Protein backbone atom coordinates (compact mmCIF):
# COMPACT_ATOMS: atom_id res chain seq x y z
CA MET A 1 26.37 9.55 41.70
CA ARG A 2 25.21 10.54 37.69
CA ILE A 3 26.71 13.37 36.01
CA ALA A 4 25.28 14.62 32.39
CA HIS A 5 28.97 16.02 30.57
CA ILE A 6 28.55 18.48 28.16
CA SER A 7 30.06 21.05 26.11
CA ASP A 8 30.46 23.49 23.60
CA THR A 9 26.92 24.56 22.49
CA HIS A 10 27.87 28.28 21.86
CA LEU A 11 24.53 29.64 22.31
CA GLY A 12 24.19 32.90 20.16
CA TYR A 13 26.22 31.49 17.07
CA ARG A 14 24.29 31.81 13.94
CA GLN A 15 26.13 29.72 10.90
CA PHE A 16 25.89 31.23 7.47
CA GLN A 17 23.92 34.20 9.56
CA LEU A 18 20.91 31.95 8.86
CA ASP A 19 18.25 32.85 11.68
CA GLU A 20 17.78 29.06 12.01
CA ARG A 21 20.89 27.71 12.60
CA GLU A 22 21.36 30.33 15.73
CA ASN A 23 17.91 28.33 16.52
CA ASP A 24 19.00 24.55 15.89
CA LEU A 25 21.69 25.44 18.68
CA TYR A 26 19.59 26.37 21.21
CA GLU A 27 16.86 23.28 20.31
CA ALA A 28 19.89 20.76 20.49
CA PHE A 29 20.68 22.31 24.50
CA GLU A 30 17.00 22.04 25.11
CA GLN A 31 16.96 18.21 24.04
CA ALA A 32 20.32 18.06 26.17
CA VAL A 33 18.45 19.34 29.32
CA ASP A 34 15.39 17.54 29.11
CA ARG A 35 17.57 14.50 28.37
CA ALA A 36 19.38 14.95 31.14
CA ILE A 37 16.26 15.28 33.75
CA GLU A 38 15.20 11.94 31.83
CA GLU A 39 18.71 9.96 32.55
CA ARG A 40 17.87 11.18 36.39
CA ALA A 41 21.67 12.91 36.37
CA ASP A 42 22.12 14.53 39.50
CA VAL A 43 24.91 17.02 38.42
CA PHE A 44 24.86 18.82 35.20
CA ILE A 45 28.87 19.71 33.80
CA HIS A 46 29.46 22.36 31.00
CA SER A 47 33.01 21.95 29.90
CA GLY A 48 33.17 25.49 28.15
CA ASP A 49 32.49 27.52 25.10
CA LEU A 50 28.60 27.70 27.00
CA PHE A 51 28.17 30.74 24.83
CA ASP A 52 29.74 31.46 21.48
CA SER A 53 30.82 34.94 22.29
CA PRO A 54 31.48 36.83 26.04
CA THR A 55 29.00 38.87 24.31
CA PRO A 56 26.12 36.73 23.27
CA PRO A 57 23.13 38.09 21.68
CA ILE A 58 20.10 38.83 23.89
CA LYS A 59 18.03 36.02 23.01
CA ALA A 60 20.88 33.51 23.57
CA LEU A 61 20.71 34.87 27.06
CA TYR A 62 16.79 34.49 27.19
CA VAL A 63 17.13 30.98 26.10
CA PHE A 64 19.80 30.03 28.77
CA LYS A 65 17.89 31.72 31.57
CA ASN A 66 15.07 29.89 31.03
CA LEU A 67 16.53 26.30 30.84
CA ILE A 68 19.04 26.95 33.69
CA ARG A 69 15.83 27.59 35.54
CA ARG A 70 14.63 23.63 34.58
CA VAL A 71 18.23 22.78 35.12
CA ASN A 72 18.90 24.22 38.83
CA ASP A 73 15.03 22.25 39.86
CA LYS A 74 16.70 19.05 39.26
CA MET A 75 20.14 18.89 39.65
CA LYS A 76 23.55 21.04 40.51
CA PHE A 77 25.34 23.09 37.67
CA TYR A 78 29.03 23.55 37.63
CA CYS A 79 30.67 25.11 34.41
CA VAL A 80 33.72 26.40 32.99
CA LEU A 81 34.52 29.50 30.97
CA GLY A 82 35.86 28.44 27.26
CA ASP A 83 38.00 30.54 25.15
CA HIS A 84 34.85 31.54 23.40
CA ASP A 85 32.96 32.74 26.29
CA ARG A 86 35.80 34.01 28.28
CA PRO A 87 35.76 37.58 28.26
CA LYS A 88 39.08 39.93 27.28
CA ARG A 89 41.28 40.87 30.02
CA LYS A 90 39.27 40.98 33.77
CA GLY A 91 35.99 41.85 32.33
CA MET A 92 32.58 40.11 33.34
CA PRO A 93 31.42 36.88 31.64
CA PRO A 94 27.90 36.55 30.72
CA HIS A 95 27.57 33.54 33.30
CA LYS A 96 27.22 36.15 35.83
CA LEU A 97 23.82 37.33 35.00
CA PHE A 98 22.59 33.44 36.44
CA ASP A 99 22.52 31.40 39.55
CA ILE A 100 25.10 29.14 38.22
CA ARG A 101 28.82 28.05 39.68
CA VAL A 102 31.38 29.13 37.52
CA LEU A 103 34.90 27.11 38.40
CA GLY A 104 38.11 27.93 38.38
CA VAL A 105 38.46 31.18 36.78
CA ASN A 106 42.56 31.73 36.73
CA GLU A 107 43.25 29.18 39.54
CA LEU A 108 41.58 25.46 40.60
CA GLU A 109 38.23 25.74 42.45
CA TRP A 110 36.88 22.68 43.96
CA GLU A 111 33.64 21.55 45.99
CA GLU A 112 32.34 18.00 46.92
CA VAL A 113 28.84 17.17 46.10
CA ASN A 114 27.76 13.43 47.77
CA GLY A 115 30.85 12.92 48.67
CA VAL A 116 32.42 13.61 45.12
CA LEU A 117 35.42 16.18 44.57
CA ILE A 118 34.30 18.40 41.43
CA ALA A 119 37.41 20.54 40.60
CA GLY A 120 37.34 22.81 37.66
CA ILE A 121 39.92 25.51 36.02
CA SER A 122 38.04 27.68 33.23
CA ASN A 123 40.38 28.05 29.76
CA MET A 124 43.68 29.59 29.90
CA ARG A 125 45.95 30.41 26.87
CA GLY A 126 49.19 31.81 25.57
CA LYS A 127 51.27 33.16 28.80
CA LEU A 128 48.94 31.76 31.23
CA ALA A 129 49.51 28.24 29.90
CA GLU A 130 52.41 28.04 32.17
CA ILE A 131 50.01 28.76 35.22
CA LEU A 132 47.38 26.49 34.03
CA ARG A 133 49.79 23.59 34.42
CA GLN A 134 50.89 24.65 37.65
CA GLU A 135 46.87 24.67 38.38
CA MET A 136 46.53 21.50 37.22
CA ALA A 137 49.22 20.27 39.10
CA LYS A 138 47.46 20.58 42.35
CA PHE A 139 44.30 18.18 41.57
CA ASP A 140 46.09 14.76 42.44
CA SER A 141 46.85 15.99 46.08
CA ILE A 142 43.33 17.75 46.60
CA ALA A 143 41.73 14.26 45.14
CA GLU A 144 43.88 11.61 47.10
CA LYS A 145 41.36 11.24 49.89
CA TYR A 146 38.00 10.72 47.47
CA ARG A 147 36.98 7.88 46.27
CA ASN A 148 35.76 9.48 43.05
CA SER A 149 36.68 12.54 41.61
CA ILE A 150 35.81 14.95 38.37
CA LEU A 151 38.56 17.62 36.89
CA VAL A 152 36.66 20.22 34.37
CA ALA A 153 38.42 22.04 31.63
CA HIS A 154 38.16 23.41 28.50
CA GLN A 155 41.48 23.13 27.15
CA ALA A 156 43.24 21.11 24.08
CA ILE A 157 45.55 18.25 24.75
CA ASP A 158 48.60 17.40 22.13
CA LYS A 159 47.12 13.78 21.43
CA TYR A 160 43.52 15.32 19.72
CA LEU A 161 45.22 18.57 18.56
CA SER A 162 48.80 17.90 17.55
CA PHE A 163 49.86 21.18 15.83
CA GLU A 164 52.14 23.05 17.91
CA GLY A 165 50.79 25.94 19.47
CA SER A 166 47.42 24.87 18.87
CA TYR A 167 47.18 23.00 22.46
CA GLU A 168 47.92 23.94 25.86
CA LEU A 169 48.45 20.42 27.49
CA LYS A 170 50.44 17.48 27.11
CA GLU A 171 49.00 14.35 28.18
CA ASP A 172 51.80 14.55 31.12
CA ASP A 173 50.53 17.46 32.32
CA LEU A 174 47.16 15.87 32.99
CA PRO A 175 46.41 14.39 36.94
CA ARG A 176 46.33 11.06 36.97
CA ASN A 177 43.98 10.45 40.40
CA ALA A 178 40.72 11.83 38.47
CA SER A 179 38.15 9.05 37.92
CA TYR A 180 36.58 11.39 34.86
CA LEU A 181 38.19 14.00 33.10
CA ALA A 182 35.35 16.38 31.73
CA PHE A 183 37.00 18.27 28.90
CA GLY A 184 36.26 20.71 26.34
CA HIS A 185 36.99 22.38 23.15
CA ILE A 186 37.38 19.90 20.72
CA HIS A 187 34.14 19.56 18.78
CA SER A 188 34.57 15.75 18.09
CA ARG A 189 33.49 12.91 20.90
CA GLN A 190 36.61 11.50 22.27
CA ILE A 191 36.31 8.80 25.17
CA ALA A 192 39.50 6.83 26.38
CA ARG A 193 41.10 5.54 29.49
CA PHE A 194 43.44 7.67 31.77
CA GLY A 195 45.24 7.27 35.14
CA LYS A 196 42.40 5.78 37.46
CA GLY A 197 39.43 6.56 34.90
CA PHE A 198 38.55 8.25 31.94
CA LEU A 199 39.15 11.24 29.46
CA ALA A 200 36.71 12.82 27.61
CA TYR A 201 35.93 15.59 25.47
CA ALA A 202 31.84 15.47 25.16
CA GLY A 203 32.32 16.96 21.93
CA ALA A 204 29.78 20.05 20.53
CA THR A 205 25.98 19.57 20.64
CA GLU A 206 25.57 20.67 16.94
CA ILE A 207 27.76 20.49 13.71
CA LEU A 208 29.38 24.20 13.63
CA ARG A 209 31.67 23.34 10.95
CA ARG A 210 31.87 21.44 7.96
CA ASP A 211 34.77 19.13 8.74
CA GLU A 212 32.67 18.11 11.80
CA ILE A 213 30.07 15.83 9.55
CA PRO A 214 32.43 12.87 9.28
CA SER A 215 32.48 12.59 13.27
CA TRP A 216 28.72 13.23 13.68
CA HIS A 217 27.72 10.21 11.06
CA LYS A 218 30.42 8.27 12.83
CA GLU A 219 29.67 9.37 16.94
CA GLY A 220 26.57 11.48 16.76
CA LYS A 221 26.33 14.82 18.58
CA GLY A 222 24.85 15.22 22.15
CA PHE A 223 26.68 14.76 25.28
CA LEU A 224 27.97 12.09 27.95
CA ILE A 225 25.96 10.44 30.88
CA VAL A 226 28.85 9.31 33.71
CA ASP A 227 27.53 7.04 36.38
CA PHE A 228 29.75 6.80 39.49
CA ASP A 229 27.76 4.12 41.48
CA GLY A 230 29.98 1.36 40.61
CA ASP A 231 33.14 0.32 41.06
CA GLU A 232 34.75 3.03 38.13
CA PRO A 233 32.91 4.91 36.17
CA GLU A 234 30.29 3.99 33.55
CA VAL A 235 30.14 6.40 30.46
CA GLU A 236 27.28 6.37 28.25
CA LYS A 237 26.74 8.92 24.61
CA VAL A 238 23.53 10.06 24.26
CA ASN A 239 22.57 11.21 20.55
CA LEU A 240 20.55 14.50 20.00
CA ASP A 241 18.19 14.87 17.04
CA ILE A 242 20.20 17.84 14.96
CA ARG A 243 19.67 19.13 11.81
CA PRO A 244 21.10 16.81 9.43
CA GLN A 245 24.31 18.02 7.02
CA PHE A 246 25.46 16.41 4.12
CA GLU A 247 28.72 16.13 1.76
CA VAL A 248 28.08 14.45 -1.33
CA ASP A 249 30.45 13.86 -4.64
CA VAL A 250 28.50 13.23 -7.65
CA GLU A 251 28.70 13.77 -11.46
CA TYR A 252 27.64 15.81 -13.49
CA GLU A 253 25.74 13.37 -15.71
CA LYS A 254 23.51 11.77 -12.59
CA ILE A 255 23.11 15.03 -10.66
CA ASP A 256 19.61 13.84 -10.21
CA GLU A 257 20.87 11.72 -7.44
CA ILE A 258 21.27 14.17 -4.99
CA LEU A 259 17.39 13.36 -4.76
CA LYS A 260 18.01 10.21 -3.05
CA LEU A 261 19.17 11.95 0.26
CA ASP A 262 17.17 12.17 3.29
CA PHE A 263 14.99 15.72 3.20
CA SER A 264 12.61 14.88 5.74
CA ARG A 265 14.31 17.89 7.50
CA LYS A 266 15.92 20.32 5.52
CA PRO A 267 19.56 19.23 5.83
CA LEU A 268 22.54 21.50 4.89
CA LEU A 269 24.37 20.14 1.86
CA TYR A 270 27.78 20.07 0.20
CA VAL A 271 27.96 19.46 -3.29
CA SER A 272 30.96 18.63 -5.49
CA ILE A 273 30.37 18.16 -8.67
CA LYS A 274 32.65 16.11 -11.38
CA GLY A 275 32.56 16.84 -15.01
CA GLU A 276 34.26 18.12 -18.17
CA LYS A 277 33.20 21.77 -19.78
CA MET A 278 30.30 22.13 -17.18
CA ASP A 279 28.19 25.33 -17.40
CA ALA A 280 28.53 27.18 -13.97
CA GLY A 281 25.30 29.30 -14.92
CA GLN A 282 23.40 26.20 -16.12
CA ILE A 283 24.21 24.01 -13.09
CA HIS A 284 23.66 26.98 -10.62
CA GLU A 285 20.14 26.36 -12.25
CA LYS A 286 19.65 23.03 -12.13
CA LEU A 287 20.43 23.00 -8.45
CA GLN A 288 18.17 25.37 -7.34
CA GLU A 289 15.66 23.79 -9.07
CA LEU A 290 16.72 20.50 -7.51
CA LEU A 291 16.62 21.85 -3.92
CA LYS A 292 14.34 24.01 -3.70
CA ASP A 293 12.44 24.12 -0.19
CA ARG A 294 14.12 20.70 0.53
CA VAL A 295 17.21 22.12 1.71
CA LEU A 296 18.00 25.03 4.64
CA TYR A 297 21.12 25.91 3.01
CA PHE A 298 23.82 24.90 0.33
CA ARG A 299 27.11 25.10 -1.45
CA TYR A 300 28.91 23.55 -4.18
CA ASN A 301 31.95 23.29 -6.03
CA LEU A 302 32.88 22.09 -9.43
CA VAL A 303 35.60 19.67 -10.24
CA ASP A 304 36.59 19.96 -13.70
CA THR A 305 37.85 16.07 -14.70
CA SER A 306 39.22 17.18 -17.84
CA LYS A 307 42.33 18.75 -16.21
CA PRO A 308 43.47 15.65 -14.40
CA VAL A 309 45.57 16.30 -10.93
CA PRO A 310 49.06 15.35 -11.34
CA GLU A 311 50.58 13.39 -8.66
CA LEU A 312 52.75 14.32 -6.57
CA PRO A 313 56.25 13.13 -6.26
CA LYS A 314 57.19 10.68 -3.50
CA GLY A 315 59.41 12.81 -0.70
CA GLN A 316 57.60 15.37 -1.73
CA ILE A 317 57.43 18.24 1.27
CA ARG A 318 54.12 18.19 3.27
CA MET A 319 51.65 20.95 3.16
CA ASP A 320 51.96 22.00 6.94
CA GLU A 321 55.54 21.75 7.06
CA LEU A 322 56.00 24.50 3.83
CA LEU A 323 53.69 26.81 6.10
CA ARG A 324 55.81 26.16 9.03
CA ALA A 325 58.77 27.04 6.89
CA HIS A 326 57.42 30.54 5.50
CA LEU A 327 54.90 31.58 8.56
CA LYS A 328 57.26 30.25 11.78
CA ASP A 329 54.59 31.65 13.65
CA GLU A 330 52.31 28.20 14.99
CA ARG A 331 48.98 29.85 15.18
CA LEU A 332 49.48 30.79 11.29
CA VAL A 333 50.20 27.82 10.19
CA SER A 334 47.14 26.03 12.56
CA LEU A 335 44.96 29.31 10.66
CA ALA A 336 46.61 28.68 7.35
CA LEU A 337 45.82 24.72 7.65
CA GLU A 338 42.39 25.49 8.51
CA LEU A 339 41.73 28.08 5.64
CA LEU A 340 43.02 25.51 3.04
CA GLY A 341 40.02 23.45 2.91
CA PRO A 342 37.22 25.91 2.55
CA LEU A 343 39.61 28.19 0.00
CA SER A 344 40.09 25.66 -2.49
CA ARG A 345 36.43 24.69 -2.28
CA GLY A 346 35.33 28.34 -3.22
CA GLU A 347 33.79 28.48 0.12
CA ILE A 348 34.47 32.14 1.09
CA GLU A 349 32.09 32.77 4.09
CA GLU A 350 33.11 29.63 5.91
CA ALA A 351 36.63 30.86 5.64
CA LYS A 352 35.42 34.53 6.86
CA GLU A 353 34.07 32.44 10.10
CA ILE A 354 37.09 30.70 10.44
CA ALA A 355 39.36 34.11 9.84
CA ASN A 356 37.32 36.45 12.35
CA ARG A 357 37.07 33.36 14.91
CA TYR A 358 40.96 33.51 14.79
CA LEU A 359 41.02 37.43 15.33
CA GLU A 360 38.60 37.32 18.16
CA GLU A 361 41.11 34.99 19.93
CA VAL A 362 44.11 36.70 19.56
CA MET A 363 42.54 39.98 20.72
CA LYS A 364 41.65 38.50 24.15
């Protein structure tokens, strides 16, 4: 049996309030469906955050309706709810509008497909974390009678998201009898040996935040094909053709070097310009002239090199330690650290998006 493991498609998300960015996410998901069909997957597994919100826009529902028909014609579809698309309290998730199997809402659920166990549990956080661990503990005994078994979840694990309060599970909480742990929530791909098989985060299908750009350049964005026909699962990365995004550091005197980038598909561009006594208005006009009709969106910040950054003395307290001493609440510490980057670069809109996502989560 072959599965396509996809995650964090966030259908309906409009980065920087751009229609093009919302459409980019739809196109990435459509590519993934096409490729999964080409790869002759028997099962399509989505490990959470199918939608960016429990109340997605009509277009997101319409796009998914058309794509899920194609999936259901070729393979079985299973998913769990992520932290973004799980409704508050006891509301109904948007998934209920479609003929799809949502696993593990509040408890572990499972089915057998072609002799393979597929079990899943939807996202559980905060006070529900202890229930989550108890439900996961049931998996190993259920999986004992199966040669191959899959556990689907949308959770952070301490090894991959290490700030206290930002994860719900430690590696010791995970079952060891799974052939494949299909996880979602972390947007960069992660594949590691674990127990009798593999633990994998499929990663997001698109670049949703600036801090995901380095991992995209290194690992790509897409999904995973997992083949269970051999003695052990074989995991293969499938990359999607998504809109490029670049981070560029350039000297003020060499600002024209930006044009060396690949503009064949209008990218998103973040530019850091270094120099002395720079005229912000003049630079803005210059960038507008250089990048007109070449990029979908750009942001820039100025680094005044006439003001050297003082070296921190050895033994200086770390930023996370300083924040932790003052804020106490680990969720606030994580939020502050995530906000630090965009605010230090003057990227107010990105900071607002991070803050809004945090508020959505704490209100659940």
